N, C-alpha and C. Protein backbone atom coordinates (compact mmCIF):
# COMPACT_ATOMS: atom_id res chain seq x y z
N MET A 1 33.37 69.96 84.34
CA MET A 1 34.28 70.02 83.20
C MET A 1 35.14 71.29 83.32
N THR A 2 36.41 71.16 83.04
CA THR A 2 37.31 72.30 83.16
C THR A 2 37.37 73.09 81.86
N ASN A 3 37.75 74.33 81.99
CA ASN A 3 37.90 75.20 80.82
C ASN A 3 39.09 74.76 79.98
N PRO A 4 39.03 74.98 78.66
CA PRO A 4 40.21 74.77 77.84
C PRO A 4 41.32 75.71 78.30
N LYS A 5 42.57 75.24 78.15
CA LYS A 5 43.71 76.04 78.57
C LYS A 5 44.58 76.38 77.36
N ILE A 6 44.93 77.65 77.27
CA ILE A 6 45.83 78.14 76.24
C ILE A 6 47.10 78.63 76.93
N GLY A 7 48.24 78.28 76.40
CA GLY A 7 49.51 78.74 76.94
C GLY A 7 50.15 79.76 76.02
N ILE A 8 50.52 80.90 76.57
CA ILE A 8 51.28 81.90 75.82
C ILE A 8 52.74 81.65 76.14
N ILE A 9 53.50 81.17 75.17
CA ILE A 9 54.90 80.84 75.39
C ILE A 9 55.76 82.04 75.00
N VAL A 10 56.45 82.61 76.00
CA VAL A 10 57.39 83.71 75.77
C VAL A 10 58.69 83.08 75.30
N GLY A 11 59.03 83.30 74.02
CA GLY A 11 60.12 82.58 73.38
C GLY A 11 61.49 83.19 73.46
N SER A 12 61.64 84.33 74.10
CA SER A 12 62.95 84.95 74.24
C SER A 12 63.38 84.87 75.70
N THR A 13 64.67 84.71 75.92
CA THR A 13 65.21 84.65 77.28
C THR A 13 66.21 85.78 77.55
N ARG A 14 66.31 86.71 76.63
CA ARG A 14 67.26 87.81 76.81
C ARG A 14 66.89 88.68 78.01
N PRO A 15 67.88 89.20 78.72
CA PRO A 15 67.59 90.04 79.89
C PRO A 15 66.81 91.31 79.54
N SER A 16 67.01 91.87 78.37
CA SER A 16 66.36 93.14 78.00
C SER A 16 65.05 92.95 77.24
N ARG A 17 64.49 91.79 77.25
CA ARG A 17 63.28 91.49 76.47
C ARG A 17 62.04 92.19 77.00
N ILE A 18 61.08 92.39 76.12
CA ILE A 18 59.81 92.99 76.53
C ILE A 18 58.66 91.97 76.43
N GLY A 19 59.00 90.75 76.04
CA GLY A 19 57.99 89.71 75.87
C GLY A 19 57.10 89.47 77.06
N PRO A 20 57.63 89.40 78.30
CA PRO A 20 56.75 89.14 79.44
C PRO A 20 55.66 90.19 79.62
N SER A 21 55.97 91.45 79.40
CA SER A 21 54.94 92.49 79.57
C SER A 21 53.88 92.38 78.46
N ILE A 22 54.30 92.04 77.26
CA ILE A 22 53.34 91.83 76.17
C ILE A 22 52.48 90.60 76.45
N ALA A 23 53.11 89.54 76.97
CA ALA A 23 52.38 88.31 77.30
C ALA A 23 51.34 88.57 78.38
N ASP A 24 51.68 89.37 79.38
CA ASP A 24 50.72 89.70 80.44
C ASP A 24 49.53 90.45 79.87
N TRP A 25 49.80 91.41 78.97
CA TRP A 25 48.72 92.16 78.33
C TRP A 25 47.85 91.21 77.51
N LEU A 26 48.48 90.35 76.71
CA LEU A 26 47.75 89.42 75.86
C LEU A 26 46.91 88.45 76.69
N GLN A 27 47.46 87.99 77.80
CA GLN A 27 46.72 87.10 78.68
C GLN A 27 45.42 87.75 79.15
N LYS A 28 45.48 89.01 79.53
CA LYS A 28 44.28 89.72 79.97
C LYS A 28 43.27 89.88 78.85
N GLN A 29 43.76 90.03 77.61
CA GLN A 29 42.85 90.20 76.48
C GLN A 29 42.16 88.89 76.10
N LEU A 30 42.85 87.77 76.25
CA LEU A 30 42.32 86.48 75.81
C LEU A 30 41.48 85.76 76.85
N LYS A 31 41.74 86.02 78.11
CA LYS A 31 41.08 85.29 79.19
C LYS A 31 39.58 85.62 79.23
N THR A 32 38.78 84.58 79.32
CA THR A 32 37.33 84.71 79.45
C THR A 32 36.87 83.74 80.55
N PRO A 33 35.60 83.81 80.96
CA PRO A 33 35.11 82.84 81.95
C PRO A 33 35.18 81.39 81.45
N HIS A 34 35.29 81.21 80.13
CA HIS A 34 35.28 79.86 79.57
C HIS A 34 36.62 79.44 78.98
N LEU A 35 37.66 80.25 79.20
CA LEU A 35 38.98 79.95 78.66
C LEU A 35 40.05 80.38 79.65
N ASP A 36 40.90 79.46 80.04
CA ASP A 36 42.03 79.77 80.92
C ASP A 36 43.26 80.04 80.06
N VAL A 37 43.98 81.09 80.38
CA VAL A 37 45.16 81.48 79.61
C VAL A 37 46.31 81.70 80.59
N ASP A 38 47.41 81.00 80.37
CA ASP A 38 48.59 81.11 81.22
C ASP A 38 49.79 81.58 80.41
N VAL A 39 50.69 82.27 81.08
CA VAL A 39 51.96 82.67 80.46
C VAL A 39 53.00 81.62 80.84
N ILE A 40 53.70 81.11 79.83
CA ILE A 40 54.79 80.14 80.03
C ILE A 40 56.07 80.83 79.57
N ASP A 41 56.90 81.21 80.52
CA ASP A 41 58.11 81.98 80.23
C ASP A 41 59.31 81.04 80.14
N LEU A 42 59.89 80.93 78.95
CA LEU A 42 61.02 80.02 78.77
C LEU A 42 62.23 80.41 79.61
N ALA A 43 62.35 81.66 80.00
CA ALA A 43 63.45 82.06 80.88
C ALA A 43 63.29 81.41 82.26
N GLN A 44 62.06 81.20 82.68
CA GLN A 44 61.82 80.54 83.96
C GLN A 44 61.87 79.02 83.85
N ILE A 45 61.50 78.50 82.69
CA ILE A 45 61.55 77.05 82.47
C ILE A 45 63.01 76.58 82.42
N ASP A 46 63.86 77.35 81.75
CA ASP A 46 65.31 77.11 81.71
C ASP A 46 65.68 75.69 81.25
N LEU A 47 65.25 75.35 80.04
CA LEU A 47 65.56 74.03 79.49
C LEU A 47 66.99 73.99 78.95
N PRO A 48 67.76 72.96 79.29
CA PRO A 48 69.08 72.80 78.68
C PRO A 48 68.91 72.49 77.18
N LEU A 49 69.98 72.63 76.45
CA LEU A 49 69.95 72.41 75.00
C LEU A 49 69.97 70.91 74.68
N LEU A 50 68.83 70.40 74.23
CA LEU A 50 68.68 69.03 73.73
C LEU A 50 69.62 68.02 74.41
N ASP A 51 69.39 67.76 75.68
CA ASP A 51 70.30 66.90 76.44
C ASP A 51 69.76 65.51 76.73
N GLU A 52 68.62 65.15 76.16
CA GLU A 52 68.10 63.79 76.32
C GLU A 52 68.87 62.84 75.40
N ILE A 53 69.08 61.64 75.85
CA ILE A 53 69.80 60.64 75.04
C ILE A 53 68.94 60.16 73.87
N ALA A 54 67.67 59.85 74.15
CA ALA A 54 66.76 59.34 73.11
C ALA A 54 66.16 60.50 72.31
N MET A 55 65.71 60.18 71.12
CA MET A 55 65.02 61.16 70.28
C MET A 55 63.67 61.49 70.92
N PRO A 56 63.24 62.76 70.86
CA PRO A 56 61.93 63.12 71.44
C PRO A 56 60.77 62.31 70.85
N SER A 57 60.88 61.92 69.59
CA SER A 57 59.79 61.16 68.97
C SER A 57 59.61 59.79 69.61
N ASP A 58 60.62 59.29 70.34
CA ASP A 58 60.49 58.02 71.06
C ASP A 58 59.62 58.17 72.30
N GLY A 59 59.51 59.40 72.82
CA GLY A 59 58.70 59.64 74.01
C GLY A 59 59.29 59.08 75.28
N HIS A 60 60.55 58.73 75.26
CA HIS A 60 61.22 58.18 76.45
C HIS A 60 62.13 59.24 77.04
N TYR A 61 61.63 59.95 78.04
CA TYR A 61 62.40 61.02 78.66
C TYR A 61 63.02 60.51 79.95
N GLU A 62 64.30 60.74 80.12
CA GLU A 62 65.00 60.30 81.32
C GLU A 62 65.24 61.44 82.30
N LEU A 63 65.35 62.65 81.81
CA LEU A 63 65.73 63.78 82.66
C LEU A 63 64.48 64.47 83.23
N GLU A 64 64.59 64.85 84.49
CA GLU A 64 63.43 65.41 85.19
C GLU A 64 62.92 66.69 84.55
N HIS A 65 63.83 67.56 84.07
CA HIS A 65 63.36 68.81 83.47
C HIS A 65 62.56 68.56 82.20
N THR A 66 62.91 67.52 81.44
CA THR A 66 62.14 67.18 80.24
C THR A 66 60.78 66.60 80.63
N LYS A 67 60.76 65.76 81.64
CA LYS A 67 59.49 65.20 82.11
C LYS A 67 58.56 66.31 82.59
N ASN A 68 59.11 67.27 83.32
CA ASN A 68 58.31 68.40 83.80
C ASN A 68 57.78 69.23 82.65
N TRP A 69 58.63 69.49 81.65
CA TRP A 69 58.22 70.25 80.47
C TRP A 69 57.11 69.50 79.73
N SER A 70 57.26 68.20 79.59
CA SER A 70 56.25 67.39 78.92
C SER A 70 54.91 67.47 79.65
N ARG A 71 54.92 67.31 80.96
CA ARG A 71 53.67 67.38 81.74
C ARG A 71 53.01 68.75 81.60
N LEU A 72 53.83 69.80 81.63
CA LEU A 72 53.29 71.16 81.50
C LEU A 72 52.59 71.33 80.15
N ILE A 73 53.26 70.96 79.08
CA ILE A 73 52.71 71.14 77.73
C ILE A 73 51.48 70.26 77.50
N GLN A 74 51.47 69.07 78.06
CA GLN A 74 50.31 68.18 77.91
C GLN A 74 49.04 68.78 78.51
N GLY A 75 49.18 69.71 79.44
CA GLY A 75 48.03 70.30 80.11
C GLY A 75 47.34 71.40 79.33
N TYR A 76 47.81 71.71 78.12
CA TYR A 76 47.24 72.80 77.32
C TYR A 76 46.63 72.25 76.04
N GLN A 77 45.58 72.94 75.58
CA GLN A 77 44.91 72.56 74.34
C GLN A 77 45.38 73.37 73.14
N GLY A 78 46.13 74.42 73.37
CA GLY A 78 46.64 75.25 72.28
C GLY A 78 47.64 76.26 72.82
N PHE A 79 48.34 76.93 71.89
CA PHE A 79 49.42 77.83 72.28
C PHE A 79 49.47 79.08 71.41
N VAL A 80 49.95 80.14 72.02
CA VAL A 80 50.35 81.35 71.31
C VAL A 80 51.85 81.46 71.53
N LEU A 81 52.62 81.51 70.44
CA LEU A 81 54.07 81.70 70.55
C LEU A 81 54.36 83.18 70.40
N LEU A 82 54.94 83.76 71.43
CA LEU A 82 55.25 85.18 71.45
C LEU A 82 56.76 85.32 71.45
N PHE A 83 57.31 85.85 70.35
CA PHE A 83 58.77 85.91 70.26
C PHE A 83 59.20 87.02 69.32
N PRO A 84 60.41 87.55 69.55
CA PRO A 84 60.96 88.55 68.64
C PRO A 84 61.61 87.84 67.45
N GLN A 85 61.80 88.56 66.41
CA GLN A 85 62.49 88.04 65.24
C GLN A 85 63.98 88.27 65.42
N TYR A 86 64.75 87.20 65.35
CA TYR A 86 66.21 87.29 65.45
C TYR A 86 66.80 86.91 64.09
N ASN A 87 67.39 87.83 63.40
CA ASN A 87 68.02 87.55 62.10
C ASN A 87 67.08 86.79 61.17
N TRP A 88 65.85 87.23 61.08
CA TRP A 88 64.81 86.67 60.21
C TRP A 88 64.34 85.29 60.65
N GLY A 89 64.56 84.96 61.90
CA GLY A 89 64.11 83.67 62.41
C GLY A 89 63.63 83.79 63.85
N TYR A 90 63.26 82.68 64.42
CA TYR A 90 62.82 82.71 65.82
C TYR A 90 63.98 82.32 66.73
N PRO A 91 63.91 82.71 68.01
CA PRO A 91 65.04 82.53 68.92
C PRO A 91 65.35 81.06 69.23
N ALA A 92 66.62 80.79 69.49
CA ALA A 92 67.08 79.44 69.81
C ALA A 92 66.38 78.83 71.02
N PRO A 93 66.10 79.57 72.10
CA PRO A 93 65.40 78.94 73.23
C PRO A 93 64.02 78.42 72.85
N LEU A 94 63.33 79.09 71.95
CA LEU A 94 62.02 78.63 71.50
C LEU A 94 62.18 77.37 70.65
N LYS A 95 63.12 77.36 69.74
CA LYS A 95 63.38 76.18 68.90
C LYS A 95 63.72 74.98 69.78
N ASN A 96 64.56 75.20 70.77
CA ASN A 96 64.94 74.14 71.69
C ASN A 96 63.72 73.62 72.46
N ALA A 97 62.89 74.53 72.97
CA ALA A 97 61.71 74.13 73.74
C ALA A 97 60.75 73.30 72.89
N LEU A 98 60.60 73.68 71.63
CA LEU A 98 59.73 72.92 70.73
C LEU A 98 60.34 71.56 70.41
N ASP A 99 61.65 71.53 70.17
CA ASP A 99 62.31 70.29 69.76
C ASP A 99 62.54 69.30 70.90
N CYS A 100 62.45 69.74 72.15
CA CYS A 100 62.63 68.84 73.29
C CYS A 100 61.50 67.81 73.39
N LEU A 101 60.35 68.14 72.81
CA LEU A 101 59.19 67.27 72.88
C LEU A 101 58.74 66.91 71.47
N TYR A 102 57.80 65.99 71.37
CA TYR A 102 57.31 65.60 70.05
C TYR A 102 55.79 65.42 70.07
N SER A 103 55.34 64.32 70.63
CA SER A 103 53.89 64.01 70.58
C SER A 103 53.06 65.00 71.40
N GLU A 104 53.66 65.67 72.36
CA GLU A 104 52.93 66.62 73.19
C GLU A 104 52.35 67.78 72.37
N TRP A 105 52.95 68.08 71.23
CA TRP A 105 52.49 69.17 70.37
C TRP A 105 51.41 68.71 69.37
N ARG A 106 51.32 67.43 69.13
CA ARG A 106 50.46 66.90 68.08
C ARG A 106 49.00 67.30 68.25
N GLY A 107 48.42 67.84 67.19
CA GLY A 107 47.01 68.17 67.15
C GLY A 107 46.61 69.43 67.91
N LYS A 108 47.59 70.15 68.43
CA LYS A 108 47.27 71.36 69.19
C LYS A 108 47.50 72.59 68.31
N PRO A 109 46.50 73.46 68.23
CA PRO A 109 46.68 74.66 67.40
C PRO A 109 47.72 75.60 68.01
N VAL A 110 48.44 76.27 67.11
CA VAL A 110 49.49 77.22 67.52
C VAL A 110 49.31 78.49 66.71
N LEU A 111 49.38 79.63 67.39
CA LEU A 111 49.35 80.93 66.76
C LEU A 111 50.68 81.60 67.03
N ASP A 112 51.30 82.15 66.01
CA ASP A 112 52.54 82.91 66.25
C ASP A 112 52.44 84.29 65.67
């Protein structure tokens, strides 16, 4: 049986961000022999802005980057969202990454 997997999603893509270094520190703090923790950096994922023709709730993805994102997210049992506050809200790349998918998030705990 494999260990549960938690993904730390770095929600900012700005060049001057400090999120990746915080995510690396957090990964070391959370990782145990019975829990796998990975950093998922949205700057490396590089998702286009909502470019699928169908609604995500239909679950019919035509574009390869969306299919890859879906497969990646399906492999985790929970997430930590790590992001800076932009004008009292969360960054657009994080909103886009969440909105690109639908059922892949269902039933998975999220900490922000």
